[in-house]
Protein backbone atom coordinates (compact mmCIF):
# COMPACT_ATOMS: atom_id res chain seq x y z
CA MET A 1 -0.27 0.05 0.22
CA LEU A 2 0.74 3.44 -0.45
CA PHE A 3 0.25 6.44 2.70
CA ALA A 4 0.64 9.67 1.56
CA PHE A 5 0.80 12.75 4.62
CA ASP A 6 0.55 16.03 4.35
CA LEU A 7 2.91 17.93 6.76
CA ASP A 8 1.39 21.19 8.72
CA GLY A 9 -1.80 20.26 10.95
CA THR A 10 -1.85 16.22 9.87
CA ILE A 11 1.68 15.13 11.37
CA ILE A 12 3.37 18.81 12.05
CA THR A 13 2.19 20.39 15.11
CA ARG A 14 1.31 23.99 15.41
CA ASN A 15 5.44 23.95 17.43
CA ASP A 16 6.73 22.94 13.97
CA GLU A 17 7.70 19.67 15.43
CA LEU A 18 7.14 16.04 13.96
CA PRO A 19 6.21 13.88 17.20
CA ALA A 20 8.21 11.13 17.94
CA PRO A 21 5.57 8.36 18.25
CA THR A 22 3.96 9.78 14.50
CA ARG A 23 7.91 8.97 13.12
CA ALA A 24 8.26 5.51 14.81
CA ALA A 25 4.63 4.70 13.19
CA ILE A 26 5.35 5.90 9.84
CA LEU A 27 8.81 4.35 9.69
CA ALA A 28 7.36 1.15 10.74
CA LEU A 29 5.18 1.26 7.52
CA ARG A 30 7.95 1.39 5.40
CA ASN A 31 9.62 -1.94 7.47
CA ALA A 32 6.33 -3.37 6.99
CA GLY A 33 6.52 -3.47 3.27
CA HIS A 34 4.59 0.00 2.46
CA GLN A 35 5.31 3.15 0.58
CA VAL A 36 5.36 6.20 2.23
CA THR A 37 4.95 9.47 0.75
CA VAL A 38 4.69 13.30 2.09
CA ILE A 39 2.63 15.96 -0.41
CA THR A 40 2.89 19.11 1.30
CA GLY A 41 2.13 22.70 0.25
CA ARG A 42 5.50 23.69 1.69
CA HIS A 43 8.28 24.56 -0.63
CA HIS A 44 10.77 21.87 -0.98
CA THR A 45 13.47 23.76 1.67
CA GLY A 46 10.69 23.98 4.01
CA ALA A 47 10.21 20.85 3.91
CA GLN A 48 13.42 18.82 4.08
CA GLN A 49 13.20 18.95 7.74
CA ALA A 50 10.36 16.47 8.14
CA LEU A 51 11.22 14.32 4.74
CA ALA A 52 14.63 13.78 6.32
CA GLY A 53 12.97 12.31 9.56
CA LEU A 54 10.66 10.32 7.75
CA GLU A 55 13.52 9.37 5.39
CA VAL A 56 12.13 9.86 2.31
CA SER A 57 14.56 11.40 -0.27
CA ARG A 58 12.50 10.80 -3.34
CA HIS A 59 9.21 10.26 -4.97
CA PHE A 60 7.04 13.00 -3.15
CA GLY A 61 4.95 16.29 -4.09
CA THR A 62 5.50 20.32 -2.70
CA CYS A 63 4.11 23.42 -3.61
CA ASN A 64 1.11 21.01 -3.27
CA GLY A 65 1.55 19.08 -6.47
CA ALA A 66 3.36 21.86 -8.23
CA ARG A 67 6.37 19.78 -7.76
CA VAL A 68 6.23 15.93 -7.61
CA HIS A 69 10.07 15.20 -7.10
CA ALA A 70 11.25 11.91 -8.43
CA ASP A 71 15.22 11.57 -7.24
CA GLY A 72 17.44 14.35 -6.68
CA ASP A 73 17.03 16.81 -9.48
CA ASP A 74 14.25 14.77 -11.61
CA HIS A 75 10.59 15.59 -11.87
CA HIS A 76 7.76 13.26 -12.15
CA LEU A 77 6.01 16.66 -12.65
CA GLU A 78 6.38 20.12 -12.35
CA ARG A 79 3.55 22.84 -13.33
CA HIS A 80 4.61 26.94 -13.34
CA LEU A 81 1.90 29.93 -13.16
CA ASP A 82 1.28 30.82 -16.68
CA GLY A 83 3.44 34.35 -17.10
CA GLU A 84 0.44 36.49 -17.58
CA VAL A 85 -0.92 35.67 -14.36
CA VAL A 86 2.23 36.03 -12.61
CA SER A 87 2.96 39.02 -13.96
CA TYR A 88 -1.04 40.57 -13.03
CA LEU A 89 -0.29 39.57 -9.63
CA LEU A 90 2.93 41.30 -9.25
CA GLU A 91 1.33 44.40 -10.72
CA ARG A 92 -1.85 44.07 -9.01
CA PHE A 93 -0.45 43.31 -5.22
CA THR A 94 2.84 45.08 -4.92
CA PRO A 95 2.31 48.61 -5.32
CA ASP A 96 1.72 49.58 -1.23
CA SER A 97 -1.45 51.92 -0.73
CA ALA A 98 -4.25 52.03 1.29
CA GLN A 99 -6.34 50.73 -1.17
CA ASN A 100 -3.95 47.36 -1.14
CA SER A 101 -2.86 46.22 2.27
CA ALA A 102 -2.13 42.16 1.07
CA GLN A 103 0.87 41.09 1.75
CA PHE A 104 2.24 37.74 -0.70
CA PHE A 105 4.96 35.84 -1.70
CA LEU A 106 5.73 34.27 -5.25
CA SER A 107 7.67 30.82 -4.67
CA THR A 108 9.84 29.87 -7.56
CA ARG A 109 12.61 26.67 -7.29
CA ASP A 110 15.11 29.04 -5.77
CA ARG A 111 14.00 32.10 -4.61
CA MET A 112 10.83 34.08 -2.64
CA TYR A 113 9.72 37.16 -4.14
CA VAL A 114 7.89 39.24 -1.05
CA ARG A 115 7.32 43.45 -1.22
CA ASP A 116 10.02 43.68 2.03
CA PRO A 117 12.57 40.59 2.26
CA ALA A 118 13.96 42.15 5.79
CA HIS A 119 10.36 42.15 7.21
CA GLU A 120 10.70 39.60 10.55
CA ARG A 121 7.37 37.88 8.85
CA TRP A 122 9.85 36.30 6.85
CA ASP A 123 11.77 35.00 9.73
CA ARG A 124 10.87 31.52 8.99
CA ALA A 125 11.70 31.35 5.42
CA ARG A 126 15.36 32.97 6.05
CA GLN A 127 15.85 29.93 8.74
CA ASP A 128 14.34 27.50 6.29
CA GLY A 129 17.22 28.97 3.85
CA ARG A 130 15.28 30.60 1.17
CA GLU A 131 16.68 33.24 -0.74
CA LEU A 132 14.10 36.41 -0.28
CA TRP A 133 14.09 39.04 -3.21
CA THR A 134 11.95 41.79 -4.20
CA PRO A 135 9.11 41.70 -6.64
CA ALA A 136 11.60 43.95 -8.97
CA GLU A 137 14.34 41.59 -9.25
CA TYR A 138 11.80 38.82 -10.86
CA GLY A 139 13.21 37.78 -13.87
CA GLY A 140 10.40 35.43 -15.62
CA GLU A 141 11.64 31.86 -14.08
CA GLY A 142 9.05 29.21 -13.65
CA ALA A 143 6.43 30.52 -10.37
CA HIS A 144 4.74 27.45 -8.82
CA LYS A 145 2.40 29.21 -6.03
CA PHE A 146 1.07 32.56 -5.52
CA ILE A 147 0.55 33.73 -1.80
CA LEU A 148 -2.07 36.53 -0.81
CA MET A 149 -2.39 37.27 3.10
CA SER A 150 -5.01 39.62 4.01
CA ASP A 151 -8.59 39.76 5.41
CA GLN A 152 -10.32 40.32 1.88
CA ALA A 153 -9.05 36.95 0.86
CA ALA A 154 -12.37 35.52 0.48
CA GLY A 155 -13.18 38.35 -2.43
CA LEU A 156 -9.93 38.22 -3.98
CA ALA A 157 -10.09 35.00 -4.57
CA THR A 158 -13.64 35.14 -6.34
CA GLU A 159 -11.83 38.59 -8.49
CA LEU A 160 -9.28 36.19 -9.31
CA SER A 161 -10.98 32.97 -9.94
CA ARG A 162 -13.48 35.05 -12.63
CA ARG A 163 -10.19 36.14 -14.41
CA PHE A 164 -8.12 33.39 -14.61
CA PRO A 165 -10.33 30.36 -14.06
CA GLU A 166 -8.00 27.82 -15.41
CA ASN A 167 -6.15 28.13 -12.15
CA ALA A 168 -6.46 26.28 -8.43
CA TYR A 169 -7.14 28.31 -5.64
CA TYR A 170 -7.28 27.25 -1.44
CA LEU A 171 -8.71 29.76 0.88
CA TRP A 172 -7.37 29.34 4.42
CA GLU A 173 -9.38 31.05 6.86
CA HIS A 174 -11.05 34.00 4.78
CA ASN A 175 -7.19 35.30 5.38
CA TYR A 176 -4.68 33.08 3.30
CA LEU A 177 -4.81 32.36 -0.49
CA GLU A 178 -3.09 29.91 -2.59
CA VAL A 179 -2.88 30.05 -6.25
CA VAL A 180 -1.25 27.33 -8.44
CA ALA A 181 -1.73 26.13 -12.20
CA ALA A 182 -4.28 23.74 -13.18
CA GLY A 183 -3.04 20.31 -12.55
CA ALA A 184 -0.32 21.36 -9.66
CA ASP A 185 -2.64 20.04 -6.57
CA LYS A 186 -2.10 17.59 -4.47
CA GLY A 187 -4.48 14.38 -6.45
CA ARG A 188 -2.59 14.70 -9.37
CA ALA A 189 0.75 14.19 -7.17
CA LEU A 190 -0.53 11.77 -5.31
CA GLN A 191 -1.95 9.78 -8.62
CA ARG A 192 1.71 10.22 -10.29
CA ILE A 193 3.55 8.57 -7.25
CA ALA A 194 1.00 5.98 -6.89
CA ALA A 195 1.62 5.17 -10.68
CA HIS A 196 5.48 5.06 -10.28
CA TYR A 197 5.29 2.63 -7.70
CA GLY A 198 2.27 0.51 -9.43
CA ILE A 199 -0.34 0.83 -6.84
CA ALA A 200 -3.77 0.69 -7.78
CA GLN A 201 -6.07 3.22 -6.38
CA SER A 202 -8.13 1.22 -3.76
CA ASP A 203 -4.72 0.44 -1.83
CA THR A 204 -3.61 4.28 -1.52
CA VAL A 205 -4.36 6.24 2.39
CA ALA A 206 -4.07 9.74 2.35
CA PHE A 207 -3.92 11.96 5.66
CA GLY A 208 -4.79 15.24 5.23
CA ASP A 209 -7.15 18.64 7.21
CA GLY A 210 -6.73 21.69 4.64
CA PRO A 211 -8.20 22.98 1.40
CA ASN A 212 -5.14 22.31 -0.14
CA ASP A 213 -6.48 18.16 0.70
CA LEU A 214 -9.27 18.10 -0.63
CA GLU A 215 -8.21 16.45 -4.56
CA MET A 216 -5.97 14.08 -2.76
CA LEU A 217 -8.54 12.55 -0.38
CA SER A 218 -10.91 12.52 -3.07
CA TRP A 219 -8.49 10.41 -5.04
CA ALA A 220 -7.32 8.12 -2.20
CA GLY A 221 -8.87 4.99 -2.27
CA ARG A 222 -9.00 5.42 1.92
CA SER A 223 -8.84 9.11 3.38
CA ILE A 224 -8.73 10.42 6.68
CA GLY A 225 -9.33 13.31 8.30
CA VAL A 226 -6.90 14.66 10.59
CA GLY A 227 -7.53 17.24 13.53
CA THR A 228 -9.53 20.43 12.57
CA LEU A 229 -11.37 20.23 9.09
CA ALA A 230 -11.44 22.63 6.30
CA PRO A 231 -14.63 23.13 4.80
CA GLY A 232 -15.31 20.31 1.79
CA VAL A 233 -13.13 17.52 3.75
CA ALA A 234 -15.72 16.54 6.51
CA GLU A 235 -17.33 14.84 3.21
CA LEU A 236 -14.41 13.27 1.79
CA ILE A 237 -13.08 11.29 4.62
CA ASP A 238 -13.82 7.62 5.61
CA ASP A 239 -12.29 8.21 9.25
CA HIS A 240 -11.43 11.14 11.40
CA VAL A 241 -8.54 11.32 13.92
CA PRO A 242 -7.18 14.23 16.23
CA GLY A 243 -4.97 16.89 15.51
CA PRO A 244 -0.91 15.77 15.28
CA GLU A 245 -0.30 16.91 19.54
CA GLU A 246 -2.84 14.67 20.32
CA LEU A 247 -0.80 12.08 18.22
CA GLY A 248 -4.12 11.14 15.99
CA VAL A 249 -2.53 9.53 12.91
CA ALA A 250 0.64 7.30 15.25
CA ARG A 251 -2.85 6.07 16.72
CA TRP A 252 -4.71 5.16 13.59
CA LEU A 253 -1.66 3.40 11.76
CA GLN A 254 -1.41 1.79 15.27
CA ARG A 255 -4.74 0.58 15.42
CA TYR A 256 -5.74 -0.17 11.54
CA VAL A 257 -2.60 -1.31 9.97
CA PRO A 258 -0.70 -4.52 9.67
CA LEU A 259 2.46 -4.27 10.65
């Protein structure tokens, strides 16, 4: 079987920790002959610590499903936002004014473009090893994801989805919006990884909690919702377990998976 795990809110706590019992339970899956993957909204750089802890070095997804990593620098799939879309987003949200208070970042393979790279809100990105640049320095390289942080995120999602209906939009609690290209979702990533291993859809199990997990939970043969669920998740899942602080995933695996 193939087990796919989201990170934040699923197996990673609010304090950015992978609990030891959860790690042990996931490693036990591999020792029992199962395949294990991670499919996360994080950039590859920010996911490295968790990937290393789970001993996942190949065949995983980052930036939702915009990057489906094969081995090393090889990819099963890599999808970028259209250049016209990126240009519009930067022009629309870069001007700093009372009418435009949205913060944002544009994520590429090696760089992260933000309005003020020195701002403390990006301390975590710097700690993860991300290179921070201003939008004026953007050179047109392929962009995997655009993030908006604004109290008007719900309205912005409606505006952008009307203008660029081909993209995928994930709204988190009305103030955080992810924009990725069509086909750059976690469901497509899980499908690609399962095909690589020759594992049937019915033999896949996915764990997630957020709006960007919907396609993955919908595609998997068995879906487990974790912790506080985003709208739409409850309708897709076969089971619901507590969040990572309460070791919900670890306890589910210990109970239901033959090891």
